[in-house]
PDB file of N, CA and C in Angstrom:
ATOM      1  N   UNK A   1       0.855  -1.398   0.123  1.00  0.00           N
ATOM      2  CA  UNK A   1      -0.329  -0.113  -0.174  1.00  0.00           C
ATOM      3  C   UNK A   1       1.183   1.341   0.014  1.00  0.00           C
ATOM      4  N   UNK A   2       0.550   2.404  -0.799  1.00  0.00           N
ATOM      5  CA  UNK A   2       0.885   3.866  -1.287  1.00  0.00           C
ATOM      6  C   UNK A   2       1.054   4.195   0.513  1.00  0.00           C
ATOM      7  N   UNK A   3       2.236   4.498   1.221  1.00  0.00           N
ATOM      8  CA  UNK A   3       2.191   5.189   2.447  1.00  0.00           C
ATOM      9  C   UNK A   3       1.785   6.596   2.418  1.00  0.00           C
ATOM     10  N   UNK A   4       1.408   7.702   1.390  1.00  0.00           N
ATOM     11  CA  UNK A   4       0.776   8.262   0.939  1.00  0.00           C
ATOM     12  C   UNK A   4      -0.888   8.453  -0.049  1.00  0.00           C
ATOM     13  N   UNK A   5      -0.927   7.331   0.302  1.00  0.00           N
ATOM     14  CA  UNK A   5      -2.123   7.293  -1.098  1.00  0.00           C
ATOM     15  C   UNK A   5      -3.289   8.298  -0.411  1.00  0.00           C
ATOM     16  N   UNK A   6      -3.752   8.156   0.691  1.00  0.00           N
ATOM     17  CA  UNK A   6      -4.563   8.838   1.241  1.00  0.00           C
ATOM     18  C   UNK A   6      -4.889  10.402   0.669  1.00  0.00           C
ATOM     19  N   UNK A   7      -3.705  11.226   1.030  1.00  0.00           N
ATOM     20  CA  UNK A   7      -3.374  12.735   0.703  1.00  0.00           C
ATOM     21  C   UNK A   7      -3.246  12.598  -1.106  1.00  0.00           C
ATOM     22  N   UNK A   8      -3.258  11.458  -1.787  1.00  0.00           N
ATOM     23  CA  UNK A   8      -3.058  11.836  -2.676  1.00  0.00           C
ATOM     24  C   UNK A   8      -4.733  11.539  -4.227  1.00  0.00           C
ATOM     25  N   UNK A   9      -5.693  10.431  -2.475  1.00  0.00           N
ATOM     26  CA  UNK A   9      -6.796  10.370  -2.988  1.00  0.00           C
ATOM     27  C   UNK A   9      -7.582  12.005  -2.965  1.00  0.00           C
ATOM     28  N   UNK A  10      -7.556  12.328  -1.778  1.00  0.00           N
ATOM     29  CA  UNK A  10      -8.234  13.512  -1.264  1.00  0.00           C
ATOM     30  C   UNK A  10      -7.606  14.939  -2.323  1.00  0.00           C
ATOM     31  N   UNK A  11      -6.338  15.227  -2.480  1.00  0.00           N
ATOM     32  CA  UNK A  11      -6.079  15.864  -3.320  1.00  0.00           C
ATOM     33  C   UNK A  11      -6.334  15.964  -4.718  1.00  0.00           C
ATOM     34  N   UNK A  12      -6.588  14.747  -5.448  1.00  0.00           N
ATOM     35  CA  UNK A  12      -6.700  14.674  -6.656  1.00  0.00           C
ATOM     36  C   UNK A  12      -8.327  15.173  -6.784  1.00  0.00           C
ATOM     37  N   UNK A  13      -9.396  14.583  -5.968  1.00  0.00           N
ATOM     38  CA  UNK A  13     -10.794  15.237  -5.713  1.00  0.00           C
ATOM     39  C   UNK A  13     -10.323  16.511  -6.007  1.00  0.00           C
ATOM     40  N   UNK A  14      -9.829  17.040  -4.748  1.00  0.00           N
ATOM     41  CA  UNK A  14      -9.194  18.897  -4.763  1.00  0.00           C
ATOM     42  C   UNK A  14      -9.516  19.151  -5.701  1.00  0.00           C
ATOM     43  N   UNK A  15      -8.186  18.637  -6.834  1.00  0.00           N
ATOM     44  CA  UNK A  15      -7.792  19.654  -7.932  1.00  0.00           C
ATOM     45  C   UNK A  15      -8.782  19.206  -8.954  1.00  0.00           C
ATOM     46  N   UNK A  16      -9.376  18.617  -9.101  1.00  0.00           N
ATOM     47  CA  UNK A  16     -10.119  18.394 -10.176  1.00  0.00           C
ATOM     48  C   UNK A  16     -11.512  19.147  -9.107  1.00  0.00           C
ATOM     49  N   UNK A  17     -11.917  19.410  -8.244  1.00  0.00           N
ATOM     50  CA  UNK A  17     -13.594  20.774  -8.063  1.00  0.00           C
ATOM     51  C   UNK A  17     -12.485  22.106  -8.971  1.00  0.00           C
ATOM     52  N   UNK A  18     -10.950  22.232  -8.183  1.00  0.00           N
ATOM     53  CA  UNK A  18     -10.372  23.555  -8.725  1.00  0.00           C
ATOM     54  C   UNK A  18     -10.447  23.452 -10.532  1.00  0.00           C
ATOM     55  N   UNK A  19     -10.761  22.579 -11.052  1.00  0.00           N
ATOM     56  CA  UNK A  19     -10.144  23.006 -12.150  1.00  0.00           C
ATOM     57  C   UNK A  19     -11.541  23.334 -13.238  1.00  0.00           C
ATOM     58  N   UNK A  20     -12.738  22.533 -12.945  1.00  0.00           N
ATOM     59  CA  UNK A  20     -14.143  22.084 -13.243  1.00  0.00           C
ATOM     60  C   UNK A  20     -15.651  22.812 -12.724  1.00  0.00           C
ATOM     61  N   UNK A  21     -15.270  22.374 -11.760  1.00  0.00           N
ATOM     62  CA  UNK A  21     -16.572  23.930 -10.724  1.00  0.00           C
ATOM     63  C   UNK A  21     -16.944  24.687 -11.361  1.00  0.00           C
ATOM     64  N   UNK A  22     -18.116  24.858 -11.479  1.00  0.00           N
ATOM     65  CA  UNK A  22     -18.405  26.178 -11.548  1.00  0.00           C
ATOM     66  C   UNK A  22     -18.048  27.344 -10.379  1.00  0.00           C
ATOM     67  N   UNK A  23     -17.587  29.110 -11.133  1.00  0.00           N
ATOM     68  CA  UNK A  23     -17.673  29.900 -10.162  1.00  0.00           C
ATOM     69  C   UNK A  23     -16.143  30.687 -10.048  1.00  0.00           C
ATOM     70  N   UNK A  24     -16.031  31.738  -9.574  1.00  0.00           N
ATOM     71  CA  UNK A  24     -14.693  31.980  -8.951  1.00  0.00           C
ATOM     72  C   UNK A  24     -13.909  30.957  -8.283  1.00  0.00           C
ATOM     73  N   UNK A  25     -12.789  31.309  -8.092  1.00  0.00           N
ATOM     74  CA  UNK A  25     -11.843  30.925  -7.739  1.00  0.00           C
ATOM     75  C   UNK A  25     -12.305  30.298  -6.161  1.00  0.00           C
ATOM     76  N   UNK A  26     -13.295  31.215  -5.829  1.00  0.00           N
ATOM     77  CA  UNK A  26     -13.470  31.032  -4.614  1.00  0.00           C
ATOM     78  C   UNK A  26     -14.327  29.802  -3.943  1.00  0.00           C
ATOM     79  N   UNK A  27     -15.803  29.954  -4.774  1.00  0.00           N
ATOM     80  CA  UNK A  27     -16.483  28.747  -5.004  1.00  0.00           C
ATOM     81  C   UNK A  27     -15.559  27.387  -5.192  1.00  0.00           C
ATOM     82  N   UNK A  28     -14.721  28.111  -6.234  1.00  0.00           N
ATOM     83  CA  UNK A  28     -13.588  26.228  -6.514  1.00  0.00           C
ATOM     84  C   UNK A  28     -13.377  26.074  -4.626  1.00  0.00           C
ATOM     85  N   UNK A  29     -12.668  26.741  -4.402  1.00  0.00           N
ATOM     86  CA  UNK A  29     -11.815  26.745  -2.641  1.00  0.00           C
ATOM     87  C   UNK A  29     -12.830  26.257  -2.176  1.00  0.00           C
ATOM     88  N   UNK A  30     -13.888  26.067  -2.157  1.00  0.00           N
ATOM     89  CA  UNK A  30     -15.282  25.504  -0.938  1.00  0.00           C
ATOM     90  C   UNK A  30     -15.308  24.635  -1.751  1.00  0.00           C
ATOM     91  N   UNK A  31     -15.142  24.239  -2.549  1.00  0.00           N
ATOM     92  CA  UNK A  31     -16.106  22.672  -3.186  1.00  0.00           C
ATOM     93  C   UNK A  31     -14.621  22.133  -2.628  1.00  0.00           C
ATOM     94  N   UNK A  32     -13.583  22.209  -3.441  1.00  0.00           N
ATOM     95  CA  UNK A  32     -12.770  21.919  -3.117  1.00  0.00           C
ATOM     96  C   UNK A  32     -12.304  21.371  -1.979  1.00  0.00           C
ATOM     97  N   UNK A  33     -12.389  22.240  -1.033  1.00  0.00           N
ATOM     98  CA  UNK A  33     -12.153  22.030   0.982  1.00  0.00           C
ATOM     99  C   UNK A  33     -12.829  20.963   1.186  1.00  0.00           C
ATOM    100  N   UNK A  34     -14.293  20.351   0.669  1.00  0.00           N
ATOM    101  CA  UNK A  34     -15.087  19.377   1.188  1.00  0.00           C
ATOM    102  C   UNK A  34     -14.423  18.562   0.990  1.00  0.00           C
ATOM    103  N   UNK A  35     -13.699  18.518   0.287  1.00  0.00           N
ATOM    104  CA  UNK A  35     -13.273  16.687  -0.363  1.00  0.00           C
ATOM    105  C   UNK A  35     -11.575  16.831   0.411  1.00  0.00           C
ATOM    106  N   UNK A  36     -10.894  17.486   0.708  1.00  0.00           N
ATOM    107  CA  UNK A  36      -9.618  17.317   1.371  1.00  0.00           C
ATOM    108  C   UNK A  36      -9.344  17.637   2.714  1.00  0.00           C
ATOM    109  N   UNK A  37     -11.017  18.315   3.309  1.00  0.00           N
ATOM    110  CA  UNK A  37     -11.054  18.878   4.931  1.00  0.00           C
ATOM    111  C   UNK A  37     -10.418  17.501   6.294  1.00  0.00           C
ATOM    112  N   UNK A  38     -10.481  16.635   5.789  1.00  0.00           N
ATOM    113  CA  UNK A  38     -10.617  15.635   6.438  1.00  0.00           C
ATOM    114  C   UNK A  38      -8.258  15.478   6.724  1.00  0.00           C
ATOM    115  N   UNK A  39      -7.765  15.968   5.717  1.00  0.00           N
ATOM    116  CA  UNK A  39      -6.736  15.474   5.557  1.00  0.00           C
ATOM    117  C   UNK A  39      -5.795  16.586   7.041  1.00  0.00           C
ATOM    118  N   UNK A  40      -4.548  15.822   7.504  1.00  0.00           N
ATOM    119  CA  UNK A  40      -3.787  16.933   8.804  1.00  0.00           C
ATOM    120  C   UNK A  40      -2.324  16.532   7.833  1.00  0.00           C
ATOM    121  N   UNK A  41      -2.021  16.770   9.264  1.00  0.00           N
ATOM    122  CA  UNK A  41      -0.337  17.153   8.831  1.00  0.00           C
ATOM    123  C   UNK A  41       0.505  15.967   8.909  1.00  0.00           C
ATOM    124  N   UNK A  42       0.085  14.911   8.823  1.00  0.00           N
ATOM    125  CA  UNK A  42       0.249  13.711   9.741  1.00  0.00           C
ATOM    126  C   UNK A  42      -0.231  12.991   7.690  1.00  0.00           C
ATOM    127  N   UNK A  43      -0.661  13.669   7.127  1.00  0.00           N
ATOM    128  CA  UNK A  43      -0.742  12.527   5.958  1.00  0.00           C
ATOM    129  C   UNK A  43       0.128  12.923   4.563  1.00  0.00           C
ATOM    130  N   UNK A  44       1.682  14.025   5.355  1.00  0.00           N
ATOM    131  CA  UNK A  44       1.980  14.336   4.190  1.00  0.00           C
ATOM    132  C   UNK A  44       3.354  13.697   4.326  1.00  0.00           C
ATOM    133  N   UNK A  45       4.612  13.970   3.663  1.00  0.00           N
ATOM    134  CA  UNK A  45       6.057  13.369   3.814  1.00  0.00           C
ATOM    135  C   UNK A  45       6.312  14.738   4.698  1.00  0.00           C
ATOM    136  N   UNK A  46       7.347  14.298   5.447  1.00  0.00           N
ATOM    137  CA  UNK A  46       7.757  16.042   6.319  1.00  0.00           C
ATOM    138  C   UNK A  46       7.975  16.793   5.214  1.00  0.00           C
ATOM    139  N   UNK A  47       8.721  16.781   4.388  1.00  0.00           N
ATOM    140  CA  UNK A  47       8.826  17.780   3.685  1.00  0.00           C
ATOM    141  C   UNK A  47       7.394  18.645   2.939  1.00  0.00           C
ATOM    142  N   UNK A  48       6.902  17.960   3.294  1.00  0.00           N
ATOM    143  CA  UNK A  48       5.225  19.044   2.559  1.00  0.00           C
ATOM    144  C   UNK A  48       4.628  18.839   3.683  1.00  0.00           C
ATOM    145  N   UNK A  49       4.930  19.227   4.752  1.00  0.00           N
ATOM    146  CA  UNK A  49       3.740  19.430   5.914  1.00  0.00           C
ATOM    147  C   UNK A  49       3.431  21.169   6.393  1.00  0.00           C
ATOM    148  N   UNK A  50       5.071  21.324   5.940  1.00  0.00           N
ATOM    149  CA  UNK A  50       5.058  23.452   5.729  1.00  0.00           C
ATOM    150  C   UNK A  50       3.928  23.938   5.202  1.00  0.00           C
ATOM    151  N   UNK A  51       3.883  23.206   3.529  1.00  0.00           N
ATOM    152  CA  UNK A  51       3.090  23.674   2.656  1.00  0.00           C
ATOM    153  C   UNK A  51       1.811  23.447   3.141  1.00  0.00           C
ATOM    154  N   UNK A  52       1.512  22.281   3.649  1.00  0.00           N
ATOM    155  CA  UNK A  52      -0.261  21.872   3.493  1.00  0.00           C
ATOM    156  C   UNK A  52      -0.586  22.689   4.931  1.00  0.00           C
ATOM    157  N   UNK A  53       0.178  23.294   6.116  1.00  0.00           N
ATOM    158  CA  UNK A  53       0.323  24.567   7.128  1.00  0.00           C
ATOM    159  C   UNK A  53       0.040  25.492   6.999  1.00  0.00           C
ATOM    160  N   UNK A  54       0.617  25.740   5.371  1.00  0.00           N
ATOM    161  CA  UNK A  54       0.463  27.077   4.937  1.00  0.00           C
ATOM    162  C   UNK A  54      -1.265  27.324   3.864  1.00  0.00           C
ATOM    163  N   UNK A  55      -1.558  26.162   3.865  1.00  0.00           N
ATOM    164  CA  UNK A  55      -2.384  25.672   2.985  1.00  0.00           C
ATOM    165  C   UNK A  55      -3.994  26.278   4.105  1.00  0.00           C
ATOM    166  N   UNK A  56      -3.608  25.194   5.009  1.00  0.00           N
ATOM    167  CA  UNK A  56      -5.111  25.481   5.686  1.00  0.00           C
ATOM    168  C   UNK A  56      -4.525  27.013   6.773  1.00  0.00           C
ATOM    169  N   UNK A  57      -3.493  27.618   7.043  1.00  0.00           N
ATOM    170  CA  UNK A  57      -4.028  29.096   7.569  1.00  0.00           C
ATOM    171  C   UNK A  57      -4.418  30.031   6.759  1.00  0.00           C
ATOM    172  N   UNK A  58      -4.173  29.847   5.354  1.00  0.00           N
ATOM    173  CA  UNK A  58      -4.253  30.868   4.801  1.00  0.00           C
ATOM    174  C   UNK A  58      -5.934  30.404   4.416  1.00  0.00           C
ATOM    175  N   UNK A  59      -6.639  29.407   4.424  1.00  0.00           N
ATOM    176  CA  UNK A  59      -7.444  29.035   4.304  1.00  0.00           C
ATOM    177  C   UNK A  59      -8.553  29.512   4.939  1.00  0.00           C
ATOM    178  N   UNK A  60      -8.053  29.835   6.582  1.00  0.00           N
ATOM    179  CA  UNK A  60      -8.469  29.936   7.561  1.00  0.00           C
ATOM    180  C   UNK A  60      -8.346  31.258   8.216  1.00  0.00           C
ATOM    181  N   UNK A  61      -8.140  32.201   7.619  1.00  0.00           N
ATOM    182  CA  UNK A  61      -6.715  32.903   7.849  1.00  0.00           C
ATOM    183  C   UNK A  61      -8.330  34.762   9.007  1.00  0.00           C
ATOM    184  N   UNK A  62      -9.225  34.517   8.157  1.00  0.00           N
ATOM    185  CA  UNK A  62     -10.172  35.663   9.121  1.00  0.00           C
ATOM    186  C   UNK A  62     -10.568  34.833  10.319  1.00  0.00           C
ATOM    187  N   UNK A  63     -10.642  33.822  10.819  1.00  0.00           N
ATOM    188  CA  UNK A  63     -11.227  33.129  11.464  1.00  0.00           C
ATOM    189  C   UNK A  63     -12.710  33.368  12.314  1.00  0.00           C
ATOM    190  N   UNK A  64     -13.597  32.404  12.966  1.00  0.00           N
ATOM    191  CA  UNK A  64     -14.850  31.992  13.199  1.00  0.00           C
ATOM    192  C   UNK A  64     -15.900  33.353  12.944  1.00  0.00           C
ATOM    193  N   UNK A  65     -16.338  34.027  12.751  1.00  0.00           N
ATOM    194  CA  UNK A  65     -17.910  35.000  12.745  1.00  0.00           C
ATOM    195  C   UNK A  65     -19.035  34.380  14.307  1.00  0.00           C
ATOM    196  N   UNK A  66     -18.247  34.782  15.660  1.00  0.00           N
ATOM    197  CA  UNK A  66     -19.110  34.749  16.038  1.00  0.00           C
ATOM    198  C   UNK A  66     -20.969  35.425  16.529  1.00  0.00           C
ATOM    199  N   UNK A  67     -21.597  34.952  16.896  1.00  0.00           N
ATOM    200  CA  UNK A  67     -22.677  34.960  17.611  1.00  0.00           C
ATOM    201  C   UNK A  67     -22.082  36.080  19.030  1.00  0.00           C
ATOM    202  N   UNK A  68     -23.254  36.813  19.577  1.00  0.00           N
ATOM    203  CA  UNK A  68     -23.901  37.292  20.289  1.00  0.00           C
ATOM    204  C   UNK A  68     -22.670  36.507  21.962  1.00  0.00           C
ATOM    205  N   UNK A  69     -23.024  35.251  22.425  1.00  0.00           N
ATOM    206  CA  UNK A  69     -22.824  34.692  22.787  1.00  0.00           C
ATOM    207  C   UNK A  69     -21.811  33.507  23.356  1.00  0.00           C
ATOM    208  N   UNK A  70     -20.937  34.237  22.186  1.00  0.00           N
ATOM    209  CA  UNK A  70     -19.544  33.434  21.505  1.00  0.00           C
ATOM    210  C   UNK A  70     -19.268  32.521  20.822  1.00  0.00           C
ATOM    211  N   UNK A  71     -20.535  31.375  20.489  1.00  0.00           N
ATOM    212  CA  UNK A  71     -20.353  30.858  19.235  1.00  0.00           C
ATOM    213  C   UNK A  71     -19.831  30.803  18.158  1.00  0.00           C
ATOM    214  N   UNK A  72     -20.127  29.413  17.218  1.00  0.00           N
ATOM    215  CA  UNK A  72     -19.655  29.987  16.320  1.00  0.00           C
ATOM    216  C   UNK A  72     -20.283  29.605  15.070  1.00  0.00           C
ATOM    217  N   UNK A  73     -21.087  31.269  14.767  1.00  0.00           N
ATOM    218  CA  UNK A  73     -21.967  31.529  13.625  1.00  0.00           C
ATOM    219  C   UNK A  73     -21.674  31.343  12.194  1.00  0.00           C
ATOM    220  N   UNK A  74     -20.548  31.784  11.548  1.00  0.00           N
ATOM    221  CA  UNK A  74     -19.578  31.040  10.321  1.00  0.00           C
ATOM    222  C   UNK A  74     -18.397  30.393  10.548  1.00  0.00           C
ATOM    223  N   UNK A  75     -17.958  29.767  10.088  1.00  0.00           N
ATOM    224  CA  UNK A  75     -16.852  28.749  10.804  1.00  0.00           C
ATOM    225  C   UNK A  75     -15.632  30.100   9.729  1.00  0.00           C
ATOM    226  N   UNK A  76     -14.500  29.396  10.248  1.00  0.00           N
ATOM    227  CA  UNK A  76     -13.493  30.397   9.681  1.00  0.00           C
ATOM    228  C   UNK A  76     -13.504  29.921   8.023  1.00  0.00           C
ATOM    229  N   UNK A  77     -13.465  28.770   7.574  1.00  0.00           N
ATOM    230  CA  UNK A  77     -13.058  28.698   6.335  1.00  0.00           C
ATOM    231  C   UNK A  77     -14.060  29.666   5.464  1.00  0.00           C
ATOM    232  N   UNK A  78     -15.401  29.189   5.596  1.00  0.00           N
ATOM    233  CA  UNK A  78     -16.150  29.938   4.960  1.00  0.00           C
ATOM    234  C   UNK A  78     -16.577  31.666   4.993  1.00  0.00           C
ATOM    235  N   UNK A  79     -16.205  32.655   6.370  1.00  0.00           N
ATOM    236  CA  UNK A  79     -15.859  33.383   6.176  1.00  0.00           C
ATOM    237  C   UNK A  79     -14.575  33.865   5.912  1.00  0.00           C
ATOM    238  N   UNK A  80     -13.692  33.679   6.136  1.00  0.00           N
ATOM    239  CA  UNK A  80     -12.178  33.925   5.227  1.00  0.00           C
ATOM    240  C   UNK A  80     -12.482  33.769   3.886  1.00  0.00           C
ATOM    241  N   UNK A  81     -12.819  32.770   2.901  1.00  0.00           N
ATOM    242  CA  UNK A  81     -13.802  32.689   1.648  1.00  0.00           C
ATOM    243  C   UNK A  81     -14.695  33.545   0.947  1.00  0.00           C
ATOM    244  N   UNK A  82     -15.745  34.265   2.009  1.00  0.00           N
ATOM    245  CA  UNK A  82     -16.555  35.137   1.668  1.00  0.00           C
ATOM    246  C   UNK A  82     -15.234  37.054   1.261  1.00  0.00           C
ATOM    247  N   UNK A  83     -14.257  36.662   2.091  1.00  0.00           N
ATOM    248  CA  UNK A  83     -13.275  38.002   2.229  1.00  0.00           C
ATOM    249  C   UNK A  83     -12.344  37.564   1.682  1.00  0.00           C
ATOM    250  N   UNK A  84     -11.820  36.667   0.955  1.00  0.00           N
ATOM    251  CA  UNK A  84     -10.615  36.492   0.429  1.00  0.00           C
ATOM    252  C   UNK A  84     -10.365  37.088  -0.714  1.00  0.00           C
ATOM    253  N   UNK A  85      -9.010  37.870  -1.700  1.00  0.00           N
ATOM    254  CA  UNK A  85      -9.537  38.505  -2.982  1.00  0.00           C
ATOM    255  C   UNK A  85      -8.970  37.005  -3.691  1.00  0.00           C
ATOM    256  N   UNK A  86      -9.318  37.815  -4.825  1.00  0.00           N
ATOM    257  CA  UNK A  86      -9.588  36.388  -6.118  1.00  0.00           C
ATOM    258  C   UNK A  86      -8.233  35.871  -6.501  1.00  0.00           C
ATOM    259  N   UNK A  87      -6.859  36.936  -5.759  1.00  0.00           N
ATOM    260  CA  UNK A  87      -6.050  37.143  -5.967  1.00  0.00           C
ATOM    261  C   UNK A  87      -5.049  35.795  -5.302  1.00  0.00           C
ATOM    262  N   UNK A  88      -5.748  36.006  -4.097  1.00  0.00           N
ATOM    263  CA  UNK A  88      -4.772  34.981  -2.900  1.00  0.00           C
ATOM    264  C   UNK A  88      -5.856  34.113  -3.544  1.00  0.00           C
ATOM    265  N   UNK A  89      -6.960  33.585  -3.281  1.00  0.00           N
ATOM    266  CA  UNK A  89      -7.359  32.163  -3.735  1.00  0.00           C
ATOM    267  C   UNK A  89      -6.255  31.850  -4.960  1.00  0.00           C
ATOM    268  N   UNK A  90      -6.095  32.383  -5.869  1.00  0.00           N
ATOM    269  CA  UNK A  90      -5.340  32.030  -6.987  1.00  0.00           C
ATOM    270  C   UNK A  90      -4.341  30.703  -6.270  1.00  0.00           C
ATOM    271  N   UNK A  91      -3.889  31.730  -5.475  1.00  0.00           N
ATOM    272  CA  UNK A  91      -2.899  31.179  -5.085  1.00  0.00           C
ATOM    273  C   UNK A  91      -2.435  30.372  -4.111  1.00  0.00           C
ATOM    274  N   UNK A  92      -4.092  29.708  -3.347  1.00  0.00           N
ATOM    275  CA  UNK A  92      -3.566  28.952  -2.966  1.00  0.00           C
ATOM    276  C   UNK A  92      -4.890  27.485  -3.466  1.00  0.00           C
ATOM    277  N   UNK A  93      -4.750  27.915  -4.380  1.00  0.00           N
ATOM    278  CA  UNK A  93      -5.225  26.637  -5.819  1.00  0.00           C
ATOM    279  C   UNK A  93      -3.747  26.191  -6.413  1.00  0.00           C
ATOM    280  N   UNK A  94      -3.586  27.227  -6.267  1.00  0.00           N
ATOM    281  CA  UNK A  94      -1.766  26.742  -6.944  1.00  0.00           C
ATOM    282  C   UNK A  94      -1.114  25.777  -6.078  1.00  0.00           C
ATOM    283  N   UNK A  95      -1.026  26.279  -4.409  1.00  0.00           N
ATOM    284  CA  UNK A  95      -0.197  25.494  -4.377  1.00  0.00           C
ATOM    285  C   UNK A  95      -0.684  23.771  -3.506  1.00  0.00           C
ATOM    286  N   UNK A  96      -2.302  24.280  -3.813  1.00  0.00           N
ATOM    287  CA  UNK A  96      -3.310  22.768  -3.299  1.00  0.00           C
ATOM    288  C   UNK A  96      -2.519  22.172  -4.504  1.00  0.00           C
ATOM    289  N   UNK A  97      -2.124  22.334  -6.284  1.00  0.00           N
ATOM    290  CA  UNK A  97      -2.461  21.551  -6.963  1.00  0.00           C
ATOM    291  C   UNK A  97      -0.558  20.792  -7.345  1.00  0.00           C
ATOM    292  N   UNK A  98       0.053  22.381  -6.617  1.00  0.00           N
ATOM    293  CA  UNK A  98       1.887  21.563  -6.543  1.00  0.00           C
ATOM    294  C   UNK A  98       1.967  21.139  -5.294  1.00  0.00           C
ATOM    295  N   UNK A  99       0.733  20.805  -4.340  1.00  0.00           N
ATOM    296  CA  UNK A  99       1.037  19.970  -3.128  1.00  0.00           C
ATOM    297  C   UNK A  99       0.724  19.343  -3.606  1.00  0.00           C
ATOM    298  N   UNK A 100      -0.480  18.344  -4.248  1.00  0.00           N
ATOM    299  CA  UNK A 100      -1.094  17.106  -5.011  1.00  0.00           C
ATOM    300  C   UNK A 100       0.520  16.922  -5.797  1.00  0.00           C
ATOM    301  N   UNK A 101       0.451  17.302  -6.719  1.00  0.00           N
ATOM    302  CA  UNK A 101       1.972  16.895  -7.527  1.00  0.00           C
ATOM    303  C   UNK A 101       2.974  16.562  -6.545  1.00  0.00           C
ATOM    304  N   UNK A 102       3.502  17.100  -5.973  1.00  0.00           N
ATOM    305  CA  UNK A 102       4.475  16.732  -4.874  1.00  0.00           C
ATOM    306  C   UNK A 102       4.185  15.618  -3.700  1.00  0.00           C
ATOM    307  N   UNK A 103       3.006  15.030  -3.618  1.00  0.00           N
ATOM    308  CA  UNK A 103       3.032  14.616  -2.638  1.00  0.00           C
ATOM    309  C   UNK A 103       2.441  13.166  -3.407  1.00  0.00           C
ATOM    310  N   UNK A 104       1.851  13.779  -4.847  1.00  0.00           N
ATOM    311  CA  UNK A 104       1.987  13.033  -5.628  1.00  0.00           C
ATOM    312  C   UNK A 104       2.812  11.333  -5.541  1.00  0.00           C
ATOM    313  N   UNK A 105       3.903  12.192  -5.964  1.00  0.00           N
ATOM    314  CA  UNK A 105       4.967  11.846  -6.598  1.00  0.00           C
ATOM    315  C   UNK A 105       6.173  11.007  -5.599  1.00  0.00           C
ATOM    316  N   UNK A 106       6.174  11.962  -4.305  1.00  0.00           N
ATOM    317  CA  UNK A 106       6.148  11.351  -3.095  1.00  0.00           C
ATOM    318  C   UNK A 106       5.990  10.258  -3.094  1.00  0.00           C
ATOM    319  N   UNK A 107       4.828   9.901  -3.147  1.00  0.00           N
ATOM    320  CA  UNK A 107       4.127   8.275  -3.439  1.00  0.00           C
ATOM    321  C   UNK A 107       4.751   7.612  -4.440  1.00  0.00           C
ATOM    322  N   UNK A 108       4.949   7.759  -5.382  1.00  0.00           N
ATOM    323  CA  UNK A 108       4.842   6.911  -6.293  1.00  0.00           C
ATOM    324  C   UNK A 108       6.566   6.149  -6.447  1.00  0.00           C
ATOM    325  N   UNK A 109       7.336   7.822  -6.235  1.00  0.00           N
ATOM    326  CA  UNK A 109       8.787   6.975  -5.717  1.00  0.00           C
ATOM    327  C   UNK A 109       9.406   5.964  -4.504  1.00  0.00           C
ATOM    328  N   UNK A 110       8.399   6.280  -3.313  1.00  0.00           N
ATOM    329  CA  UNK A 110       8.198   4.946  -1.761  1.00  0.00           C
ATOM    330  C   UNK A 110       7.159   4.193  -3.110  1.00  0.00           C
ATOM    331  N   UNK A 111       6.557   3.883  -3.795  1.00  0.00           N
ATOM    332  CA  UNK A 111       6.563   2.585  -4.108  1.00  0.00           C
ATOM    333  C   UNK A 111       7.261   1.733  -5.048  1.00  0.00           C
ATOM    334  N   UNK A 112       8.243   2.249  -5.744  1.00  0.00           N
ATOM    335  CA  UNK A 112       9.112   2.530  -6.333  1.00  0.00           C
ATOM    336  C   UNK A 112      10.318   1.585  -5.867  1.00  0.00           C
ATOM    337  N   UNK A 113      10.487   2.492  -4.637  1.00  0.00           N
ATOM    338  CA  UNK A 113      11.359   1.919  -3.885  1.00  0.00           C
ATOM    339  C   UNK A 113      11.952   1.219  -4.004  1.00  0.00           C
ATOM    340  N   UNK A 114      13.412   0.697  -2.866  1.00  0.00           N
ATOM    341  CA  UNK A 114      14.665  -0.217  -3.306  1.00  0.00           C
ATOM    342  C   UNK A 114      14.338  -1.611  -3.579  1.00  0.00           C
TER     343      UNK A 114
END
């Protein structure tokens, strides 16, 4: 079994959403997020974990919108997507694509190993 197959699988769905989902980059990121949100840092090789942290940080940069009683009314991801500039969204989408390619190559390389 491939060590990083789960990450490859989830990111491949995300890349497909980024390429084919209608709407602007923010709407495509929202659709892609549904596919890869279960991933954690541990699903990636050490060399790619910082890139993964960057993606997650950028996707949740604005934090949640809280109601008067302190409960999250809108989650940090959705709140960020409402406020993010298209250019920033494009940078995040590009990083997701490069992360997918890198983890896929890493997974294939590990499978072919010595």
